[in-house]
Amino acid sequence: MKELLIRTLTGVSLIVLVIGSMLLGPLTFTGVLLLIYLQGVNELFGLLKKRDLATRWFRAVPGILLFLVVYAVFQFDLSLLWLLLPPILWLITVLRGGITLAGTLAFLWLGIPLSTFLALGWMEGPGYLYRLPLAIIALVWINDTFAYLTGSLLGRHQMTPVLSPGKTWEGFSGGILICLLSGWIIWSLSGIASLWAWFGISLLVSLLGLAGDLFESGLKRTVKVKNTGNLLPGHGGILDRFDSLLFVAPAVLILVVLLKLIK
């Protein structure tokens, strides 16, 4: 009971932090996501050090720059060409220091996904609006929660016994169904886009959320740890809570842009 209480309090605190930052405006939202990125890099480098892999903090600089550029470009309506600056800086670090797993994952797995999640704040526009990123993070958390609950109650058939023994087909199915229902509720309440668009987004959240979870599970299994960190009591590390979003956010941004182009 005590562990459940701690887990619940931590989860609620995290929800308040993330959603509160969205509601307070783009600068606060950018700052919180940047902190999540830095903690994620810290946990990632901690995992890689267990395998004696090189980790240097300058590899995180292109990701930091990416957040600042995304905020500036969309908030101040600058040229999209500025978005090329962080990838160019990342390529320079690769050319000068070589390709490393630490630098590659820090930029491609953490920096780009979290910054695309930030960019969703301007996709409904004009100007920053919190509704779309709020809806996406809500779907991710709803999918994760109900996949876990359904799997705990009804799970019988394991999906990936090696990568994640706790994942079951029953849990995955329960997550999809509730996520689709939630997509319908979001559409009916917000009026953003079409119902079919939200069904598509909900499916992306369920499928890619699972892929993100399994990818992180694979990383943890290579270094034989249960959690990426202990920052969040009852949950583990930041990466343990945001692994699904890292695969979901870029795909949702691409889908939203395509829907805007064909509208």
Protein backbone atom coordinates (compact mmCIF):
# COMPACT_ATOMS: atom_id res chain seq x y z
CA MET A 1 0.00 0.00 0.00
CA LYS A 2 2.83 2.41 0.88
CA GLU A 3 4.57 1.73 -2.44
CA LEU A 4 1.32 2.34 -4.34
CA LEU A 5 0.82 5.63 -2.49
CA ILE A 6 4.36 6.78 -3.28
CA ARG A 7 3.96 5.79 -6.92
CA THR A 8 0.64 7.64 -7.15
CA LEU A 9 1.97 10.81 -5.51
CA THR A 10 5.01 10.83 -7.79
CA GLY A 11 2.84 10.30 -10.86
CA VAL A 12 0.46 13.10 -9.91
CA SER A 13 3.38 15.46 -9.23
CA LEU A 14 4.88 14.70 -12.62
CA ILE A 15 1.53 15.27 -14.34
CA VAL A 16 1.12 18.61 -12.57
CA LEU A 17 4.64 19.66 -13.56
CA VAL A 18 4.33 18.79 -17.25
CA ILE A 19 0.75 19.96 -17.79
CA GLY A 20 1.31 23.04 -15.65
CA SER A 21 4.28 24.04 -17.80
CA MET A 22 2.10 23.76 -20.93
CA LEU A 23 -0.61 25.95 -19.42
CA LEU A 24 1.85 28.59 -18.21
CA GLY A 25 3.08 29.23 -21.74
CA PRO A 26 5.72 28.27 -24.32
CA LEU A 27 8.74 29.54 -22.40
CA THR A 28 7.89 27.50 -19.30
CA PHE A 29 7.02 24.47 -21.44
CA THR A 30 10.38 24.77 -23.23
CA GLY A 31 12.22 25.05 -19.92
CA VAL A 32 10.60 21.96 -18.40
CA LEU A 33 11.22 19.87 -21.52
CA LEU A 34 14.83 21.03 -21.57
CA LEU A 35 15.22 19.88 -17.95
CA ILE A 36 13.65 16.52 -18.89
CA TYR A 37 16.12 16.26 -21.77
CA LEU A 38 19.12 17.01 -19.55
CA GLN A 39 18.03 14.46 -16.93
CA GLY A 40 17.35 11.96 -19.71
CA VAL A 41 20.87 12.48 -21.07
CA ASN A 42 22.26 12.05 -17.56
CA GLU A 43 20.44 8.72 -17.18
CA LEU A 44 21.43 7.61 -20.68
CA PHE A 45 25.09 8.33 -20.06
CA GLY A 46 24.85 6.49 -16.75
CA LEU A 47 23.59 3.38 -18.59
CA LEU A 48 26.32 3.59 -21.23
CA LYS A 49 29.05 3.96 -18.62
CA LYS A 50 28.05 0.57 -17.23
CA ARG A 51 29.24 -0.86 -20.56
CA ASP A 52 32.38 1.28 -20.49
CA LEU A 53 31.18 3.34 -23.45
CA ALA A 54 32.48 6.88 -23.92
CA THR A 55 30.21 9.67 -22.68
CA ARG A 56 31.07 13.35 -22.98
CA TRP A 57 28.60 16.08 -22.06
CA PHE A 58 29.48 18.21 -25.10
CA ARG A 59 27.56 15.58 -27.08
CA ALA A 60 24.37 16.96 -25.50
CA VAL A 61 24.94 20.51 -26.78
CA PRO A 62 23.23 20.02 -30.20
CA GLY A 63 20.12 18.78 -28.37
CA ILE A 64 20.12 21.79 -26.05
CA LEU A 65 20.45 24.11 -29.04
CA LEU A 66 17.56 22.32 -30.75
CA PHE A 67 15.12 23.25 -27.98
CA LEU A 68 16.18 26.89 -28.13
CA VAL A 69 15.92 27.02 -31.92
CA VAL A 70 12.49 25.33 -32.01
CA TYR A 71 11.18 27.81 -29.44
CA ALA A 72 12.65 30.82 -31.27
CA VAL A 73 11.53 29.73 -34.76
CA PHE A 74 7.90 29.12 -33.84
CA GLN A 75 7.47 31.76 -31.15
CA PHE A 76 9.02 34.60 -33.20
CA ASP A 77 8.06 33.31 -36.66
CA LEU A 78 11.64 32.95 -37.89
CA SER A 79 12.71 31.11 -41.02
CA LEU A 80 12.49 27.32 -40.79
CA LEU A 81 16.06 27.22 -42.10
CA TRP A 82 17.19 27.95 -38.54
CA LEU A 83 16.09 24.41 -37.69
CA LEU A 84 19.07 23.16 -39.71
CA LEU A 85 21.53 24.68 -37.23
CA PRO A 86 21.34 21.96 -34.50
CA PRO A 87 21.72 19.03 -36.96
CA ILE A 88 24.70 20.82 -38.53
CA LEU A 89 26.28 21.25 -35.11
CA TRP A 90 25.64 17.55 -34.39
CA LEU A 91 27.32 16.59 -37.68
CA ILE A 92 30.31 18.77 -36.78
CA THR A 93 30.66 16.94 -33.45
CA VAL A 94 30.49 13.64 -35.35
CA LEU A 95 33.14 14.73 -37.87
CA ARG A 96 35.47 16.02 -35.15
CA GLY A 97 34.94 13.38 -32.49
CA GLY A 98 33.56 10.40 -34.41
CA ILE A 99 30.21 8.65 -34.16
CA THR A 100 29.43 7.56 -30.61
CA LEU A 101 26.38 5.82 -29.21
CA ALA A 102 26.11 8.50 -26.52
CA GLY A 103 26.00 11.38 -28.99
CA THR A 104 23.72 9.59 -31.43
CA LEU A 105 21.13 8.61 -28.83
CA ALA A 106 21.31 11.97 -27.04
CA PHE A 107 20.40 13.80 -30.25
CA LEU A 108 18.28 11.35 -32.24
CA TRP A 109 16.52 9.47 -29.43
CA LEU A 110 16.12 12.28 -26.88
CA GLY A 111 16.69 15.70 -28.44
CA ILE A 112 14.64 15.40 -31.62
CA PRO A 113 11.61 13.59 -30.09
CA LEU A 114 11.28 15.96 -27.12
CA SER A 115 11.73 19.04 -29.33
CA THR A 116 9.09 17.75 -31.78
CA PHE A 117 6.76 17.38 -28.82
CA LEU A 118 7.49 21.03 -28.03
CA ALA A 119 6.79 22.01 -31.66
CA LEU A 120 3.29 20.52 -31.41
CA GLY A 121 2.37 23.59 -29.39
CA TRP A 122 2.44 25.67 -32.56
CA MET A 123 0.82 23.19 -34.95
CA GLU A 124 -2.75 24.24 -34.17
CA GLY A 125 -1.84 27.96 -34.37
CA PRO A 126 -1.45 30.70 -35.21
CA GLY A 127 0.65 31.20 -32.11
CA TYR A 128 1.22 28.79 -29.24
CA LEU A 129 -1.70 26.67 -28.03
CA TYR A 130 -1.35 23.96 -25.40
CA ARG A 131 -4.27 21.76 -26.51
CA LEU A 132 -2.45 19.48 -28.96
CA PRO A 133 0.61 18.58 -26.83
CA LEU A 134 -1.71 18.20 -23.84
CA ALA A 135 -3.91 15.76 -25.78
CA ILE A 136 -0.90 13.74 -26.96
CA ILE A 137 0.73 13.36 -23.54
CA ALA A 138 -2.69 12.46 -22.10
CA LEU A 139 -3.11 9.71 -24.71
CA VAL A 140 0.38 8.38 -24.01
CA TRP A 141 -0.24 8.20 -20.27
CA ILE A 142 -3.73 6.75 -20.73
CA ASN A 143 -2.40 4.06 -23.06
CA ASP A 144 0.45 3.16 -20.69
CA THR A 145 -1.81 3.09 -17.65
CA PHE A 146 -4.58 0.96 -19.12
CA ALA A 147 -2.18 -1.39 -20.88
CA TYR A 148 -0.58 -1.99 -17.46
CA LEU A 149 -3.91 -2.40 -15.67
CA THR A 150 -5.40 -4.69 -18.32
CA GLY A 151 -2.23 -6.75 -18.47
CA SER A 152 -2.14 -7.08 -14.67
CA LEU A 153 -5.76 -8.22 -14.49
CA LEU A 154 -6.16 -10.26 -17.67
CA GLY A 155 -2.68 -10.83 -19.05
CA ARG A 156 -1.94 -14.41 -20.02
CA HIS A 157 0.06 -14.32 -23.25
CA GLN A 158 3.48 -12.67 -23.20
CA MET A 159 4.46 -10.48 -26.14
CA THR A 160 8.24 -10.31 -25.66
CA PRO A 161 9.46 -12.68 -22.93
CA VAL A 162 13.07 -11.60 -23.45
CA LEU A 163 12.77 -7.80 -23.70
CA SER A 164 9.82 -7.20 -21.38
CA PRO A 165 8.28 -10.25 -19.69
CA GLY A 166 5.49 -8.15 -18.19
CA LYS A 167 4.09 -7.10 -21.58
CA THR A 168 1.09 -9.18 -22.68
CA TRP A 169 -1.17 -9.18 -25.74
CA GLU A 170 -4.14 -8.65 -23.48
CA GLY A 171 -2.56 -5.54 -21.97
CA PHE A 172 -1.62 -4.22 -25.40
CA SER A 173 -5.19 -4.75 -26.67
CA GLY A 174 -6.68 -3.05 -23.61
CA GLY A 175 -4.39 -0.07 -24.09
CA ILE A 176 -5.39 0.32 -27.74
CA LEU A 177 -9.13 0.13 -27.02
CA ILE A 178 -9.04 2.71 -24.23
CA CYS A 179 -6.71 4.91 -26.26
CA LEU A 180 -9.13 4.87 -29.22
CA LEU A 181 -12.00 5.71 -26.88
CA SER A 182 -9.95 8.55 -25.42
CA GLY A 183 -9.21 9.83 -28.93
CA TRP A 184 -12.95 9.99 -29.59
CA ILE A 185 -13.50 11.88 -26.32
CA ILE A 186 -10.74 14.38 -27.16
CA TRP A 187 -12.22 14.96 -30.62
CA SER A 188 -15.73 15.46 -29.22
CA LEU A 189 -14.51 17.92 -26.58
CA SER A 190 -11.91 19.88 -28.56
CA GLY A 191 -13.14 19.82 -32.14
CA ILE A 192 -9.53 19.70 -33.31
CA ALA A 193 -9.18 17.93 -36.69
CA SER A 194 -11.42 15.01 -37.62
CA LEU A 195 -12.46 11.90 -35.75
CA TRP A 196 -10.49 9.72 -38.16
CA ALA A 197 -7.39 11.84 -37.55
CA TRP A 198 -7.72 11.18 -33.81
CA PHE A 199 -8.21 7.48 -34.41
CA GLY A 200 -4.99 7.55 -36.44
CA ILE A 201 -3.16 9.45 -33.72
CA SER A 202 -4.48 7.06 -31.06
CA LEU A 203 -3.19 4.06 -33.02
CA LEU A 204 0.20 5.73 -33.42
CA VAL A 205 0.32 6.34 -29.68
CA SER A 206 -0.44 2.68 -28.87
CA LEU A 207 1.86 1.11 -31.47
CA LEU A 208 4.82 3.47 -31.21
CA GLY A 209 4.40 3.83 -27.47
CA LEU A 210 4.98 0.09 -27.20
CA ALA A 211 7.98 0.34 -29.55
CA GLY A 212 9.48 3.11 -27.43
CA ASP A 213 8.96 1.10 -24.26
CA LEU A 214 10.58 -1.99 -25.75
CA PHE A 215 13.52 0.02 -27.10
CA GLU A 216 14.25 1.38 -23.64
CA SER A 217 13.77 -2.09 -22.13
CA GLY A 218 16.41 -3.37 -24.53
CA LEU A 219 18.85 -0.69 -23.40
CA LYS A 220 18.26 -1.54 -19.75
CA ARG A 221 18.67 -5.26 -20.36
CA THR A 222 22.05 -4.73 -22.02
CA VAL A 223 23.34 -3.22 -18.78
CA LYS A 224 21.20 -5.41 -16.50
CA VAL A 225 19.30 -2.69 -14.62
CA LYS A 226 15.61 -2.47 -13.75
CA ASN A 227 15.26 1.33 -14.00
CA THR A 228 17.23 4.07 -15.73
CA GLY A 229 17.42 6.03 -12.49
CA ASN A 230 15.79 6.74 -9.14
CA LEU A 231 14.70 10.36 -9.56
CA LEU A 232 10.99 9.45 -9.47
CA PRO A 233 10.13 7.31 -6.41
CA GLY A 234 8.01 4.34 -7.40
CA HIS A 235 8.63 4.93 -11.11
CA GLY A 236 12.38 4.93 -11.66
CA GLY A 237 14.02 7.48 -13.89
CA ILE A 238 12.82 10.12 -16.34
CA LEU A 239 13.44 7.77 -19.27
CA ASP A 240 11.21 5.16 -17.65
CA ARG A 241 8.31 7.63 -17.75
CA PHE A 242 8.91 9.25 -21.13
CA ASP A 243 10.17 6.31 -23.23
CA SER A 244 6.83 5.94 -25.04
CA LEU A 245 6.64 9.65 -25.92
CA LEU A 246 10.09 9.52 -27.52
CA PHE A 247 8.76 7.34 -30.35
CA VAL A 248 5.27 8.86 -30.47
CA ALA A 249 5.99 12.60 -30.71
CA PRO A 250 7.93 12.66 -34.03
CA ALA A 251 5.34 10.44 -35.74
CA VAL A 252 2.45 12.57 -34.50
CA LEU A 253 4.18 15.75 -35.71
CA ILE A 254 4.67 14.23 -39.16
CA LEU A 255 1.02 13.13 -39.28
CA VAL A 256 -0.19 16.58 -38.18
CA VAL A 257 1.94 18.31 -40.83
CA LEU A 258 0.63 15.95 -43.53
CA LEU A 259 -2.96 16.58 -42.45
CA LYS A 260 -2.35 20.33 -42.64
CA LEU A 261 -0.89 20.00 -46.13
CA ILE A 262 -3.80 18.00 -47.53
CA LYS A 263 -6.50 19.98 -45.74
